[in-house]
Amino acid sequence: MKSGLIRALVAILVGTVAFFGFMACSGASSLPATHRLTIVNASSSPLSFVRWTDGEGATHLFAPDAVYDATLQRTVDGLLSGSRATESVGVGSDPIFFFLAGGGVQYRTQFAVTIGAEDSDLEFTITETTMIVAGTSP
């Protein structure tokens, strides 16, 4: 019985290796491409609710820090000045949306941040001179 189990496991292993070998040779992939977006806050203001939406409609929150939001008068998820956050994302093109933690309206980058199929890692830095506009999601 033990040798039958070992033969079955070997057969499964050989079949799996052969299948993935074929997939690699044929250029097909059963795994989605990995893309990573890093957002760096190089501005002097903490940012809250920093988010980007990929082409599949998945919204990614870039918020490793606790920041005080004056409008909400409580601590919320955000990105402190000098901090960075990285998320695995899908292909897409969308502005980065955020609030200044000091309160007020929602802002977004004036231009979309795009991750194409050929991109693997992209870093976007928000500075004092990054062009932003007041606005909400479309």
Protein backbone atom coordinates (compact mmCIF):
# COMPACT_ATOMS: atom_id res chain seq x y z
CA MET A 1 0.00 0.00 0.00
CA LYS A 2 2.87 2.37 0.80
CA SER A 3 4.51 1.81 -2.60
CA GLY A 4 1.17 2.45 -4.36
CA LEU A 5 0.89 5.79 -2.58
CA ILE A 6 4.46 6.69 -3.50
CA ARG A 7 3.82 5.79 -7.17
CA ALA A 8 0.68 7.93 -7.19
CA LEU A 9 2.53 10.90 -5.70
CA VAL A 10 5.38 10.51 -8.21
CA ALA A 11 2.85 10.39 -11.07
CA ILE A 12 1.19 13.57 -9.83
CA LEU A 13 4.56 15.29 -9.47
CA VAL A 14 5.70 14.24 -12.96
CA GLY A 15 2.38 15.36 -14.46
CA THR A 16 2.59 18.72 -12.70
CA VAL A 17 6.17 19.33 -13.84
CA ALA A 18 5.27 18.35 -17.41
CA PHE A 19 2.21 20.64 -17.40
CA PHE A 20 4.10 23.69 -16.13
CA GLY A 21 7.01 22.90 -18.46
CA PHE A 22 4.54 22.99 -21.37
CA MET A 23 3.03 26.24 -20.10
CA ALA A 24 6.47 27.87 -19.89
CA CYS A 25 7.45 26.70 -23.37
CA SER A 26 4.19 27.76 -24.96
CA GLY A 27 4.38 31.24 -23.46
CA ALA A 28 1.10 30.71 -21.57
CA SER A 29 0.83 31.45 -17.90
CA SER A 30 -1.68 30.27 -15.37
CA LEU A 31 -0.54 32.91 -12.88
CA PRO A 32 -1.46 36.60 -13.16
CA ALA A 33 1.36 39.06 -13.77
CA THR A 34 2.54 40.79 -10.62
CA HIS A 35 2.53 44.56 -10.64
CA ARG A 36 3.47 46.71 -7.68
CA LEU A 37 2.65 50.36 -7.18
CA THR A 38 4.54 52.34 -4.56
CA ILE A 39 3.30 55.74 -3.46
CA VAL A 40 5.78 57.98 -1.64
CA ASN A 41 4.62 61.01 0.34
CA ALA A 42 7.47 63.51 -0.02
CA SER A 43 5.17 66.45 0.75
CA SER A 44 5.05 68.21 4.10
CA SER A 45 1.45 67.16 4.76
CA PRO A 46 0.20 63.79 5.97
CA LEU A 47 -2.30 62.30 3.53
CA SER A 48 -5.35 60.23 4.42
CA PHE A 49 -7.36 57.65 2.48
CA VAL A 50 -4.73 57.42 -0.30
CA ARG A 51 -6.12 55.12 -3.00
CA TRP A 52 -5.72 54.00 -6.61
CA THR A 53 -8.13 51.82 -8.64
CA ASP A 54 -6.85 49.36 -11.22
CA GLY A 55 -8.51 48.42 -14.52
CA GLU A 56 -10.31 45.48 -12.91
CA GLY A 57 -12.10 47.87 -10.57
CA ALA A 58 -10.12 46.86 -7.47
CA THR A 59 -9.41 49.82 -5.20
CA HIS A 60 -6.07 49.69 -3.39
CA LEU A 61 -5.55 51.65 -0.18
CA PHE A 62 -2.03 52.94 0.47
CA ALA A 63 -2.24 53.62 4.18
CA PRO A 64 0.37 52.03 6.43
CA ASP A 65 0.30 54.89 8.93
CA ALA A 66 -2.17 56.34 11.40
CA VAL A 67 -2.71 60.05 10.70
CA TYR A 68 -4.94 62.55 12.47
CA ASP A 69 -7.72 63.87 10.23
CA ALA A 70 -8.84 67.30 11.47
CA THR A 71 -12.18 67.16 9.65
CA LEU A 72 -13.14 63.80 11.16
CA GLN A 73 -11.38 64.65 14.43
CA ARG A 74 -9.93 61.16 14.71
CA THR A 75 -7.04 59.02 13.59
CA VAL A 76 -7.49 57.38 10.18
CA ASP A 77 -5.45 55.28 7.76
CA GLY A 78 -3.00 57.38 5.80
CA LEU A 79 0.49 58.13 4.63
CA LEU A 80 2.69 60.29 6.84
CA SER A 81 5.10 62.80 5.35
CA GLY A 82 8.25 60.92 4.35
CA SER A 83 6.46 57.57 4.31
CA ARG A 84 5.84 55.11 1.49
CA ALA A 85 3.41 52.27 0.81
CA THR A 86 3.52 49.47 -1.76
CA GLU A 87 0.59 47.38 -2.96
CA SER A 88 0.22 44.58 -5.51
CA VAL A 89 -2.12 45.90 -8.19
CA GLY A 90 -3.59 45.00 -11.54
CA VAL A 91 -3.01 46.78 -14.82
CA GLY A 92 -4.85 50.09 -15.04
CA SER A 93 -4.85 53.85 -15.28
CA ASP A 94 -6.39 56.10 -12.65
CA PRO A 95 -5.46 59.22 -10.69
CA ILE A 96 -4.34 58.80 -7.10
CA PHE A 97 -7.05 60.08 -4.76
CA PHE A 98 -6.38 61.38 -1.24
CA PHE A 99 -7.32 63.90 1.42
CA LEU A 100 -4.94 66.30 3.11
CA ALA A 101 -5.01 65.16 6.72
CA GLY A 102 -5.50 68.79 7.79
CA GLY A 103 -9.06 68.49 6.53
CA GLY A 104 -11.04 69.67 3.56
CA VAL A 105 -12.01 68.25 0.21
CA GLN A 106 -10.72 65.19 -1.58
CA TYR A 107 -7.90 65.72 -4.07
CA ARG A 108 -6.51 63.67 -6.91
CA THR A 109 -3.44 63.81 -9.09
CA GLN A 110 -4.19 65.86 -12.20
CA PHE A 111 -3.00 63.04 -14.41
CA ALA A 112 -3.65 59.33 -14.24
CA VAL A 113 -0.99 56.98 -12.97
CA THR A 114 -0.75 54.11 -15.47
CA ILE A 115 0.53 50.59 -14.99
CA GLY A 116 0.74 48.71 -18.28
CA ALA A 117 0.94 44.97 -18.88
CA GLU A 118 4.71 45.20 -19.36
CA ASP A 119 5.30 47.15 -16.13
CA SER A 120 6.20 45.31 -12.96
CA ASP A 121 7.02 48.05 -10.46
CA LEU A 122 6.10 51.73 -10.53
CA GLU A 123 6.88 54.36 -7.92
CA PHE A 124 4.93 57.61 -7.77
CA THR A 125 6.12 60.40 -5.48
CA ILE A 126 3.77 63.09 -4.20
CA THR A 127 5.65 66.34 -3.55
CA GLU A 128 4.74 69.96 -2.84
CA THR A 129 4.73 70.58 -6.61
CA THR A 130 2.71 67.55 -7.72
CA MET A 131 -0.18 68.83 -9.84
CA ILE A 132 -3.43 68.03 -8.04
CA VAL A 133 -7.06 69.05 -8.45
CA ALA A 134 -10.03 68.91 -6.13
CA GLY A 135 -12.25 66.13 -7.25
CA THR A 136 -14.00 62.90 -6.58
CA SER A 137 -14.05 59.58 -8.34
CA PRO A 138 -15.76 59.60 -11.73
